[in-house]
Amino acid sequence: MPIQPRTTIEQYVLDVLNQQGFSVLDETSQQEMFPQFMAEAEQRLGARLLPLLDKSAAQDFDKLLKQQEVKPEELWNFWQKHVPNFLEVVKGALNDYAKEVAVAFGNK
């Protein structure tokens, strides 16, 4: 079964991968590799976003992560509330990641 993105970020990462030739891989390979690409994208986003939190927001983030289960929309809402230029930061981080993916796929 093809990958079904659940979040805006997953959709973006899948689009970037497909632009670089990911879609020509068999479904099994895609299913195995996609979580790794997502984890890398999420790490990069975290590295860009965490330094933008003030002390109070960082404490709120710590509490959020200690919950049993955190839904993607909860995280999205948290970041939007605490990082005024959240969408620009996300776009910048994901655009930089897209460039690296292109290099990894041998397209630049």
PDB file of N, CA and C in Angstrom:
ATOM      1  N   MET A   1       0.838  -1.172   0.000  1.00  0.00           N
ATOM      2  CA  MET A   1       0.000   0.000   0.000  1.00  0.00           C
ATOM      3  C   MET A   1       0.893   1.249   0.000  1.00  0.00           C
ATOM      4  N   PRO A   2       0.600   2.223  -0.842  1.00  0.00           N
ATOM      5  CA  PRO A   2       1.399   3.448  -0.886  1.00  0.00           C
ATOM      6  C   PRO A   2       1.363   4.183   0.449  1.00  0.00           C
ATOM      7  N   ILE A   3       2.369   4.981   0.679  1.00  0.00           N
ATOM      8  CA  ILE A   3       2.458   5.756   1.906  1.00  0.00           C
ATOM      9  C   ILE A   3       1.319   6.771   1.946  1.00  0.00           C
ATOM     10  N   GLN A   4       0.628   6.830   3.074  1.00  0.00           N
ATOM     11  CA  GLN A   4      -0.472   7.760   3.277  1.00  0.00           C
ATOM     12  C   GLN A   4      -0.062   8.772   4.349  1.00  0.00           C
ATOM     13  N   PRO A   5       0.369   9.966   3.960  1.00  0.00           N
ATOM     14  CA  PRO A   5       0.795  10.965   4.944  1.00  0.00           C
ATOM     15  C   PRO A   5      -0.337  11.331   5.897  1.00  0.00           C
ATOM     16  N   ARG A   6       0.020  11.502   7.175  1.00  0.00           N
ATOM     17  CA  ARG A   6      -0.960  11.879   8.191  1.00  0.00           C
ATOM     18  C   ARG A   6      -0.852  13.351   8.567  1.00  0.00           C
ATOM     19  N   THR A   7       0.267  13.964   8.258  1.00  0.00           N
ATOM     20  CA  THR A   7       0.472  15.355   8.648  1.00  0.00           C
ATOM     21  C   THR A   7       0.978  16.158   7.460  1.00  0.00           C
ATOM     22  N   THR A   8       0.922  17.467   7.603  1.00  0.00           N
ATOM     23  CA  THR A   8       1.430  18.367   6.568  1.00  0.00           C
ATOM     24  C   THR A   8       2.917  18.127   6.341  1.00  0.00           C
ATOM     25  N   ILE A   9       3.649  17.904   7.407  1.00  0.00           N
ATOM     26  CA  ILE A   9       5.091  17.688   7.287  1.00  0.00           C
ATOM     27  C   ILE A   9       5.377  16.364   6.574  1.00  0.00           C
ATOM     28  N   GLU A  10       4.630  15.325   6.905  1.00  0.00           N
ATOM     29  CA  GLU A  10       4.800  14.055   6.195  1.00  0.00           C
ATOM     30  C   GLU A  10       4.525  14.225   4.709  1.00  0.00           C
ATOM     31  N   GLN A  11       3.489  14.977   4.370  1.00  0.00           N
ATOM     32  CA  GLN A  11       3.164  15.210   2.961  1.00  0.00           C
ATOM     33  C   GLN A  11       4.306  15.947   2.273  1.00  0.00           C
ATOM     34  N   TYR A  12       4.847  16.965   2.936  1.00  0.00           N
ATOM     35  CA  TYR A  12       5.941  17.730   2.358  1.00  0.00           C
ATOM     36  C   TYR A  12       7.147  16.831   2.110  1.00  0.00           C
ATOM     37  N   VAL A  13       7.512  16.035   3.098  1.00  0.00           N
ATOM     38  CA  VAL A  13       8.674  15.155   2.959  1.00  0.00           C
ATOM     39  C   VAL A  13       8.437  14.145   1.842  1.00  0.00           C
ATOM     40  N   LEU A  14       7.251  13.578   1.773  1.00  0.00           N
ATOM     41  CA  LEU A  14       6.936  12.633   0.701  1.00  0.00           C
ATOM     42  C   LEU A  14       7.018  13.308  -0.666  1.00  0.00           C
ATOM     43  N   ASP A  15       6.505  14.522  -0.781  1.00  0.00           N
ATOM     44  CA  ASP A  15       6.584  15.253  -2.047  1.00  0.00           C
ATOM     45  C   ASP A  15       8.041  15.486  -2.459  1.00  0.00           C
ATOM     46  N   VAL A  16       8.860  15.895  -1.491  1.00  0.00           N
ATOM     47  CA  VAL A  16      10.282  16.132  -1.767  1.00  0.00           C
ATOM     48  C   VAL A  16      10.947  14.836  -2.232  1.00  0.00           C
ATOM     49  N   LEU A  17      10.670  13.753  -1.536  1.00  0.00           N
ATOM     50  CA  LEU A  17      11.265  12.466  -1.908  1.00  0.00           C
ATOM     51  C   LEU A  17      10.825  12.040  -3.304  1.00  0.00           C
ATOM     52  N   ASN A  18       9.535  12.183  -3.583  1.00  0.00           N
ATOM     53  CA  ASN A  18       9.025  11.782  -4.897  1.00  0.00           C
ATOM     54  C   ASN A  18       9.628  12.620  -6.021  1.00  0.00           C
ATOM     55  N   GLN A  19       9.882  13.895  -5.758  1.00  0.00           N
ATOM     56  CA  GLN A  19      10.516  14.752  -6.766  1.00  0.00           C
ATOM     57  C   GLN A  19      11.940  14.274  -7.082  1.00  0.00           C
ATOM     58  N   GLN A  20      12.534  13.558  -6.150  1.00  0.00           N
ATOM     59  CA  GLN A  20      13.903  13.096  -6.328  1.00  0.00           C
ATOM     60  C   GLN A  20      13.982  11.644  -6.801  1.00  0.00           C
ATOM     61  N   GLY A  21      12.837  11.007  -7.046  1.00  0.00           N
ATOM     62  CA  GLY A  21      12.848   9.652  -7.577  1.00  0.00           C
ATOM     63  C   GLY A  21      12.440   8.573  -6.597  1.00  0.00           C
ATOM     64  N   PHE A  22      12.022   8.936  -5.409  1.00  0.00           N
ATOM     65  CA  PHE A  22      11.610   7.973  -4.390  1.00  0.00           C
ATOM     66  C   PHE A  22      10.469   7.091  -4.878  1.00  0.00           C
ATOM     67  N   SER A  23       9.580   7.670  -5.679  1.00  0.00           N
ATOM     68  CA  SER A  23       8.389   6.943  -6.125  1.00  0.00           C
ATOM     69  C   SER A  23       8.714   5.767  -7.055  1.00  0.00           C
ATOM     70  N   VAL A  24       9.919   5.727  -7.610  1.00  0.00           N
ATOM     71  CA  VAL A  24      10.261   4.597  -8.483  1.00  0.00           C
ATOM     72  C   VAL A  24      10.694   3.373  -7.685  1.00  0.00           C
ATOM     73  N   LEU A  25      10.955   3.551  -6.394  1.00  0.00           N
ATOM     74  CA  LEU A  25      11.284   2.411  -5.546  1.00  0.00           C
ATOM     75  C   LEU A  25      10.050   1.555  -5.327  1.00  0.00           C
ATOM     76  N   ASP A  26      10.246   0.266  -5.076  1.00  0.00           N
ATOM     77  CA  ASP A  26       9.092  -0.584  -4.800  1.00  0.00           C
ATOM     78  C   ASP A  26       8.473  -0.186  -3.458  1.00  0.00           C
ATOM     79  N   GLU A  27       7.206  -0.551  -3.274  1.00  0.00           N
ATOM     80  CA  GLU A  27       6.462  -0.122  -2.090  1.00  0.00           C
ATOM     81  C   GLU A  27       7.114  -0.582  -0.792  1.00  0.00           C
ATOM     82  N   THR A  28       7.672  -1.773  -0.789  1.00  0.00           N
ATOM     83  CA  THR A  28       8.326  -2.278   0.419  1.00  0.00           C
ATOM     84  C   THR A  28       9.498  -1.389   0.798  1.00  0.00           C
ATOM     85  N   SER A  29      10.302  -1.023  -0.166  1.00  0.00           N
ATOM     86  CA  SER A  29      11.433  -0.133   0.102  1.00  0.00           C
ATOM     87  C   SER A  29      10.962   1.231   0.584  1.00  0.00           C
ATOM     88  N   GLN A  30       9.921   1.748  -0.052  1.00  0.00           N
ATOM     89  CA  GLN A  30       9.381   3.040   0.376  1.00  0.00           C
ATOM     90  C   GLN A  30       8.897   2.970   1.824  1.00  0.00           C
ATOM     91  N   GLN A  31       8.165   1.915   2.157  1.00  0.00           N
ATOM     92  CA  GLN A  31       7.631   1.761   3.517  1.00  0.00           C
ATOM     93  C   GLN A  31       8.756   1.651   4.544  1.00  0.00           C
ATOM     94  N   GLU A  32       9.845   1.003   4.168  1.00  0.00           N
ATOM     95  CA  GLU A  32      10.969   0.844   5.079  1.00  0.00           C
ATOM     96  C   GLU A  32      11.768   2.136   5.231  1.00  0.00           C
ATOM     97  N   MET A  33      11.917   2.889   4.156  1.00  0.00           N
ATOM     98  CA  MET A  33      12.773   4.067   4.167  1.00  0.00           C
ATOM     99  C   MET A  33      12.075   5.342   4.635  1.00  0.00           C
ATOM    100  N   PHE A  34      10.783   5.457   4.371  1.00  0.00           N
ATOM    101  CA  PHE A  34      10.086   6.699   4.682  1.00  0.00           C
ATOM    102  C   PHE A  34      10.207   7.099   6.157  1.00  0.00           C
ATOM    103  N   PRO A  35      10.029   6.173   7.107  1.00  0.00           N
ATOM    104  CA  PRO A  35      10.172   6.577   8.517  1.00  0.00           C
ATOM    105  C   PRO A  35      11.562   7.148   8.834  1.00  0.00           C
ATOM    106  N   GLN A  36      12.585   6.664   8.159  1.00  0.00           N
ATOM    107  CA  GLN A  36      13.930   7.187   8.382  1.00  0.00           C
ATOM    108  C   GLN A  36      14.048   8.621   7.862  1.00  0.00           C
ATOM    109  N   PHE A  37      13.490   8.877   6.696  1.00  0.00           N
ATOM    110  CA  PHE A  37      13.496  10.234   6.157  1.00  0.00           C
ATOM    111  C   PHE A  37      12.679  11.173   7.062  1.00  0.00           C
ATOM    112  N   MET A  38      11.557  10.689   7.568  1.00  0.00           N
ATOM    113  CA  MET A  38      10.731  11.510   8.468  1.00  0.00           C
ATOM    114  C   MET A  38      11.480  11.821   9.752  1.00  0.00           C
ATOM    115  N   ALA A  39      12.129  10.825  10.313  1.00  0.00           N
ATOM    116  CA  ALA A  39      12.871  11.043  11.562  1.00  0.00           C
ATOM    117  C   ALA A  39      13.948  12.102  11.359  1.00  0.00           C
ATOM    118  N   GLU A  40      14.622  12.045  10.224  1.00  0.00           N
ATOM    119  CA  GLU A  40      15.660  13.036   9.927  1.00  0.00           C
ATOM    120  C   GLU A  40      15.050  14.426   9.771  1.00  0.00           C
ATOM    121  N   ALA A  41      13.937  14.522   9.085  1.00  0.00           N
ATOM    122  CA  ALA A  41      13.269  15.818   8.911  1.00  0.00           C
ATOM    123  C   ALA A  41      12.821  16.368  10.262  1.00  0.00           C
ATOM    124  N   GLU A  42      12.265  15.515  11.099  1.00  0.00           N
ATOM    125  CA  GLU A  42      11.803  15.956  12.411  1.00  0.00           C
ATOM    126  C   GLU A  42      12.967  16.412  13.290  1.00  0.00           C
ATOM    127  N   GLN A  43      14.100  15.719  13.203  1.00  0.00           N
ATOM    128  CA  GLN A  43      15.286  16.141  13.954  1.00  0.00           C
ATOM    129  C   GLN A  43      15.725  17.532  13.523  1.00  0.00           C
ATOM    130  N   ARG A  44      15.729  17.766  12.238  1.00  0.00           N
ATOM    131  CA  ARG A  44      16.145  19.061  11.720  1.00  0.00           C
ATOM    132  C   ARG A  44      15.184  20.170  12.148  1.00  0.00           C
ATOM    133  N   LEU A  45      13.909  19.846  12.131  1.00  0.00           N
ATOM    134  CA  LEU A  45      12.925  20.832  12.594  1.00  0.00           C
ATOM    135  C   LEU A  45      13.133  21.146  14.074  1.00  0.00           C
ATOM    136  N   GLY A  46      13.322  20.109  14.857  1.00  0.00           N
ATOM    137  CA  GLY A  46      13.550  20.319  16.282  1.00  0.00           C
ATOM    138  C   GLY A  46      14.785  21.159  16.545  1.00  0.00           C
ATOM    139  N   ALA A  47      15.839  20.898  15.789  1.00  0.00           N
ATOM    140  CA  ALA A  47      17.085  21.660  15.957  1.00  0.00           C
ATOM    141  C   ALA A  47      16.888  23.134  15.628  1.00  0.00           C
ATOM    142  N   ARG A  48      15.997  23.421  14.708  1.00  0.00           N
ATOM    143  CA  ARG A  48      15.717  24.823  14.358  1.00  0.00           C
ATOM    144  C   ARG A  48      14.755  25.480  15.336  1.00  0.00           C
ATOM    145  N   LEU A  49      13.787  24.706  15.841  1.00  0.00           N
ATOM    146  CA  LEU A  49      12.734  25.282  16.661  1.00  0.00           C
ATOM    147  C   LEU A  49      13.097  25.402  18.143  1.00  0.00           C
ATOM    148  N   LEU A  50      13.759  24.406  18.697  1.00  0.00           N
ATOM    149  CA  LEU A  50      14.037  24.415  20.134  1.00  0.00           C
ATOM    150  C   LEU A  50      14.767  25.665  20.618  1.00  0.00           C
ATOM    151  N   PRO A  51      15.784  26.146  19.911  1.00  0.00           N
ATOM    152  CA  PRO A  51      16.474  27.340  20.399  1.00  0.00           C
ATOM    153  C   PRO A  51      15.595  28.600  20.415  1.00  0.00           C
ATOM    154  N   LEU A  52      14.458  28.549  19.751  1.00  0.00           N
ATOM    155  CA  LEU A  52      13.576  29.709  19.691  1.00  0.00           C
ATOM    156  C   LEU A  52      12.616  29.796  20.880  1.00  0.00           C
ATOM    157  N   LEU A  53      12.611  28.763  21.722  1.00  0.00           N
ATOM    158  CA  LEU A  53      11.713  28.758  22.877  1.00  0.00           C
ATOM    159  C   LEU A  53      12.323  29.520  24.042  1.00  0.00           C
ATOM    160  N   ASP A  54      11.482  30.305  24.721  1.00  0.00           N
ATOM    161  CA  ASP A  54      11.956  30.918  25.963  1.00  0.00           C
ATOM    162  C   ASP A  54      11.860  29.857  27.074  1.00  0.00           C
ATOM    163  N   LYS A  55      12.322  30.207  28.263  1.00  0.00           N
ATOM    164  CA  LYS A  55      12.397  29.235  29.352  1.00  0.00           C
ATOM    165  C   LYS A  55      11.025  28.655  29.698  1.00  0.00           C
ATOM    166  N   SER A  56      10.018  29.490  29.767  1.00  0.00           N
ATOM    167  CA  SER A  56       8.670  29.039  30.101  1.00  0.00           C
ATOM    168  C   SER A  56       8.127  28.080  29.042  1.00  0.00           C
ATOM    169  N   ALA A  57       8.314  28.423  27.780  1.00  0.00           N
ATOM    170  CA  ALA A  57       7.849  27.562  26.680  1.00  0.00           C
ATOM    171  C   ALA A  57       8.613  26.243  26.679  1.00  0.00           C
ATOM    172  N   ALA A  58       9.904  26.288  26.986  1.00  0.00           N
ATOM    173  CA  ALA A  58      10.702  25.061  27.052  1.00  0.00           C
ATOM    174  C   ALA A  58      10.174  24.137  28.144  1.00  0.00           C
ATOM    175  N   GLN A  59       9.762  24.717  29.273  1.00  0.00           N
ATOM    176  CA  GLN A  59       9.178  23.908  30.345  1.00  0.00           C
ATOM    177  C   GLN A  59       7.844  23.315  29.911  1.00  0.00           C
ATOM    178  N   ASP A  60       7.047  24.097  29.197  1.00  0.00           N
ATOM    179  CA  ASP A  60       5.773  23.586  28.664  1.00  0.00           C
ATOM    180  C   ASP A  60       6.014  22.456  27.669  1.00  0.00           C
ATOM    181  N   PHE A  61       7.050  22.606  26.864  1.00  0.00           N
ATOM    182  CA  PHE A  61       7.380  21.575  25.879  1.00  0.00           C
ATOM    183  C   PHE A  61       7.785  20.286  26.589  1.00  0.00           C
ATOM    184  N   ASP A  62       8.571  20.408  27.639  1.00  0.00           N
ATOM    185  CA  ASP A  62       8.993  19.243  28.412  1.00  0.00           C
ATOM    186  C   ASP A  62       7.768  18.516  28.976  1.00  0.00           C
ATOM    187  N   LYS A  63       6.817  19.265  29.513  1.00  0.00           N
ATOM    188  CA  LYS A  63       5.591  18.669  30.055  1.00  0.00           C
ATOM    189  C   LYS A  63       4.800  17.973  28.949  1.00  0.00           C
ATOM    190  N   LEU A  64       4.721  18.603  27.800  1.00  0.00           N
ATOM    191  CA  LEU A  64       3.990  18.028  26.669  1.00  0.00           C
ATOM    192  C   LEU A  64       4.592  16.685  26.260  1.00  0.00           C
ATOM    193  N   LEU A  65       5.909  16.633  26.193  1.00  0.00           N
ATOM    194  CA  LEU A  65       6.579  15.403  25.766  1.00  0.00           C
ATOM    195  C   LEU A  65       6.474  14.282  26.794  1.00  0.00           C
ATOM    196  N   LYS A  66       6.206  14.637  28.038  1.00  0.00           N
ATOM    197  CA  LYS A  66       6.081  13.617  29.088  1.00  0.00           C
ATOM    198  C   LYS A  66       4.689  12.986  29.119  1.00  0.00           C
ATOM    199  N   GLN A  67       3.787  13.498  28.316  1.00  0.00           N
ATOM    200  CA  GLN A  67       2.453  12.905  28.235  1.00  0.00           C
ATOM    201  C   GLN A  67       2.558  11.512  27.630  1.00  0.00           C
ATOM    202  N   GLN A  68       1.568  10.699  27.932  1.00  0.00           N
ATOM    203  CA  GLN A  68       1.532   9.324  27.430  1.00  0.00           C
ATOM    204  C   GLN A  68       1.621   9.283  25.901  1.00  0.00           C
ATOM    205  N   GLU A  69       0.775  10.074  25.270  1.00  0.00           N
ATOM    206  CA  GLU A  69       0.750  10.134  23.804  1.00  0.00           C
ATOM    207  C   GLU A  69       0.521  11.579  23.375  1.00  0.00           C
ATOM    208  N   VAL A  70       1.348  12.052  22.459  1.00  0.00           N
ATOM    209  CA  VAL A  70       1.210  13.408  21.956  1.00  0.00           C
ATOM    210  C   VAL A  70       0.811  13.313  20.487  1.00  0.00           C
ATOM    211  N   LYS A  71      -0.299  13.913  20.151  1.00  0.00           N
ATOM    212  CA  LYS A  71      -0.777  13.882  18.773  1.00  0.00           C
ATOM    213  C   LYS A  71      -0.032  14.933  17.955  1.00  0.00           C
ATOM    214  N   PRO A  72       0.178  14.665  16.662  1.00  0.00           N
ATOM    215  CA  PRO A  72       0.874  15.630  15.810  1.00  0.00           C
ATOM    216  C   PRO A  72       0.247  17.030  15.841  1.00  0.00           C
ATOM    217  N   GLU A  73      -1.082  17.101  15.896  1.00  0.00           N
ATOM    218  CA  GLU A  73      -1.716  18.418  15.915  1.00  0.00           C
ATOM    219  C   GLU A  73      -1.444  19.167  17.221  1.00  0.00           C
ATOM    220  N   GLU A  74      -1.239  18.446  18.314  1.00  0.00           N
ATOM    221  CA  GLU A  74      -0.873  19.095  19.576  1.00  0.00           C
ATOM    222  C   GLU A  74       0.501  19.749  19.461  1.00  0.00           C
ATOM    223  N   LEU A  75       1.434  19.028  18.855  1.00  0.00           N
ATOM    224  CA  LEU A  75       2.767  19.588  18.658  1.00  0.00           C
ATOM    225  C   LEU A  75       2.712  20.790  17.728  1.00  0.00           C
ATOM    226  N   TRP A  76       1.974  20.652  16.649  1.00  0.00           N
ATOM    227  CA  TRP A  76       1.841  21.749  15.681  1.00  0.00           C
ATOM    228  C   TRP A  76       1.292  22.996  16.378  1.00  0.00           C
ATOM    229  N   ASN A  77       0.243  22.821  17.175  1.00  0.00           N
ATOM    230  CA  ASN A  77      -0.362  23.944  17.895  1.00  0.00           C
ATOM    231  C   ASN A  77       0.611  24.550  18.896  1.00  0.00           C
ATOM    232  N   PHE A  78       1.362  23.692  19.586  1.00  0.00           N
ATOM    233  CA  PHE A  78       2.349  24.189  20.540  1.00  0.00           C
ATOM    234  C   PHE A  78       3.355  25.103  19.848  1.00  0.00           C
ATOM    235  N   TRP A  79       3.923  24.614  18.740  1.00  0.00           N
ATOM    236  CA  TRP A  79       4.947  25.393  18.036  1.00  0.00           C
ATOM    237  C   TRP A  79       4.370  26.698  17.501  1.00  0.00           C
ATOM    238  N   GLN A  80       3.171  26.649  16.959  1.00  0.00           N
ATOM    239  CA  GLN A  80       2.557  27.870  16.441  1.00  0.00           C
ATOM    240  C   GLN A  80       2.345  28.894  17.551  1.00  0.00           C
ATOM    241  N   LYS A  81       2.007  28.424  18.718  1.00  0.00           N
ATOM    242  CA  LYS A  81       1.764  29.324  19.854  1.00  0.00           C
ATOM    243  C   LYS A  81       3.068  29.960  20.354  1.00  0.00           C
ATOM    244  N   HIS A  82       4.157  29.196  20.353  1.00  0.00           N
ATOM    245  CA  HIS A  82       5.383  29.639  21.013  1.00  0.00           C
ATOM    246  C   HIS A  82       6.467  30.164  20.075  1.00  0.00           C
ATOM    247  N   VAL A  83       6.307  29.965  18.785  1.00  0.00           N
ATOM    248  CA  VAL A  83       7.303  30.470  17.827  1.00  0.00           C
ATOM    249  C   VAL A  83       6.551  31.345  16.827  1.00  0.00           C
ATOM    250  N   PRO A  84       6.688  32.669  16.972  1.00  0.00           N
ATOM    251  CA  PRO A  84       5.911  33.594  16.127  1.00  0.00           C
ATOM    252  C   PRO A  84       6.089  33.362  14.624  1.00  0.00           C
ATOM    253  N   ASN A  85       7.275  33.018  14.200  1.00  0.00           N
ATOM    254  CA  ASN A  85       7.529  32.802  12.769  1.00  0.00           C
ATOM    255  C   ASN A  85       7.646  31.302  12.468  1.00  0.00           C
ATOM    256  N   PHE A  86       6.826  30.523  13.139  1.00  0.00           N
ATOM    257  CA  PHE A  86       6.869  29.067  13.042  1.00  0.00           C
ATOM    258  C   PHE A  86       6.859  28.558  11.600  1.00  0.00           C
ATOM    259  N   LEU A  87       5.912  29.002  10.806  1.00  0.00           N
ATOM    260  CA  LEU A  87       5.799  28.481   9.442  1.00  0.00           C
ATOM    261  C   LEU A  87       7.023  28.810   8.599  1.00  0.00           C
ATOM    262  N   GLU A  88       7.603  29.986   8.788  1.00  0.00           N
ATOM    263  CA  GLU A  88       8.808  30.344   8.043  1.00  0.00           C
ATOM    264  C   GLU A  88       9.985  29.459   8.454  1.00  0.00           C
ATOM    265  N   VAL A  89      10.083  29.176   9.754  1.00  0.00           N
ATOM    266  CA  VAL A  89      11.156  28.304  10.248  1.00  0.00           C
ATOM    267  C   VAL A  89      10.995  26.901   9.668  1.00  0.00           C
ATOM    268  N   VAL A  90       9.767  26.402   9.686  1.00  0.00           N
ATOM    269  CA  VAL A  90       9.487  25.066   9.141  1.00  0.00           C
ATOM    270  C   VAL A  90       9.839  25.018   7.655  1.00  0.00           C
ATOM    271  N   LYS A  91       9.382  26.007   6.909  1.00  0.00           N
ATOM    272  CA  LYS A  91       9.667  26.036   5.465  1.00  0.00           C
ATOM    273  C   LYS A  91      11.165  26.088   5.211  1.00  0.00           C
ATOM    274  N   GLY A  92      11.872  26.914   5.959  1.00  0.00           N
ATOM    275  CA  GLY A  92      13.323  27.013   5.776  1.00  0.00           C
ATOM    276  C   GLY A  92      14.027  25.702   6.075  1.00  0.00           C
ATOM    277  N   ALA A  93      13.669  25.074   7.177  1.00  0.00           N
ATOM    278  CA  ALA A  93      14.299  23.806   7.554  1.00  0.00           C
ATOM    279  C   ALA A  93      13.994  22.720   6.523  1.00  0.00           C
ATOM    280  N   LEU A  94      12.740  22.648   6.089  1.00  0.00           N
ATOM    281  CA  LEU A  94      12.373  21.608   5.124  1.00  0.00           C
ATOM    282  C   LEU A  94      12.949  21.891   3.736  1.00  0.00           C
ATOM    283  N   ASN A  95      13.078  23.148   3.362  1.00  0.00           N
ATOM    284  CA  ASN A  95      13.712  23.462   2.080  1.00  0.00           C
ATOM    285  C   ASN A  95      15.185  23.078   2.098  1.00  0.00           C
ATOM    286  N   ASP A  96      15.867  23.347   3.214  1.00  0.00           N
ATOM    287  CA  ASP A  96      17.261  22.930   3.336  1.00  0.00           C
ATOM    288  C   ASP A  96      17.377  21.409   3.279  1.00  0.00           C
ATOM    289  N   TYR A  97      16.443  20.726   3.940  1.00  0.00           N
ATOM    290  CA  TYR A  97      16.434  19.267   3.924  1.00  0.00           C
ATOM    291  C   TYR A  97      16.189  18.748   2.506  1.00  0.00           C
ATOM    292  N   ALA A  98      15.299  19.410   1.775  1.00  0.00           N
ATOM    293  CA  ALA A  98      15.018  19.009   0.393  1.00  0.00           C
ATOM    294  C   ALA A  98      16.274  19.069  -0.460  1.00  0.00           C
ATOM    295  N   LYS A  99      17.098  20.098  -0.249  1.00  0.00           N
ATOM    296  CA  LYS A  99      18.350  20.222  -1.007  1.00  0.00           C
ATOM    297  C   LYS A  99      19.281  19.061  -0.690  1.00  0.00           C
ATOM    298  N   GLU A 100      19.337  18.688   0.573  1.00  0.00           N
ATOM    299  CA  GLU A 100      20.200  17.553   0.965  1.00  0.00           C
ATOM    300  C   GLU A 100      19.673  16.232   0.405  1.00  0.00           C
ATOM    301  N   VAL A 101      18.352  16.083   0.380  1.00  0.00           N
ATOM    302  CA  VAL A 101      17.761  14.877  -0.200  1.00  0.00           C
ATOM    303  C   VAL A 101      18.111  14.788  -1.677  1.00  0.00           C
ATOM    304  N   ALA A 102      18.062  15.914  -2.383  1.00  0.00           N
ATOM    305  CA  ALA A 102      18.408  15.928  -3.804  1.00  0.00           C
ATOM    306  C   ALA A 102      19.843  15.452  -4.007  1.00  0.00           C
ATOM    307  N   VAL A 103      20.734  15.905  -3.161  1.00  0.00           N
ATOM    308  CA  VAL A 103      22.144  15.480  -3.251  1.00  0.00           C
ATOM    309  C   VAL A 103      22.244  13.987  -2.970  1.00  0.00           C
ATOM    310  N   ALA A 104      21.529  13.515  -1.929  1.00  0.00           N
ATOM    311  CA  ALA A 104      21.569  12.098  -1.566  1.00  0.00           C
ATOM    312  C   ALA A 104      21.055  11.205  -2.699  1.00  0.00           C
ATOM    313  N   PHE A 105      20.075  11.719  -3.464  1.00  0.00           N
ATOM    314  CA  PHE A 105      19.547  10.952  -4.586  1.00  0.00           C
ATOM    315  C   PHE A 105      20.355  11.184  -5.859  1.00  0.00           C
ATOM    316  N   GLY A 106      21.419  11.968  -5.729  1.00  0.00           N
ATOM    317  CA  GLY A 106      22.287  12.195  -6.890  1.00  0.00           C
ATOM    318  C   GLY A 106      21.712  13.155  -7.903  1.00  0.00           C
ATOM    319  N   ASN A 107      20.811  14.027  -7.484  1.00  0.00           N
ATOM    320  CA  ASN A 107      20.143  14.930  -8.429  1.00  0.00           C
ATOM    321  C   ASN A 107      20.701  16.349  -8.407  1.00  0.00           C
ATOM    322  N   LYS A 108      21.711  16.623  -7.621  1.00  0.00           N
ATOM    323  CA  LYS A 108      22.322  17.951  -7.632  1.00  0.00           C
ATOM    324  C   LYS A 108      23.764  17.847  -7.256  1.00  0.00           C
TER     325      LYS A 108
END
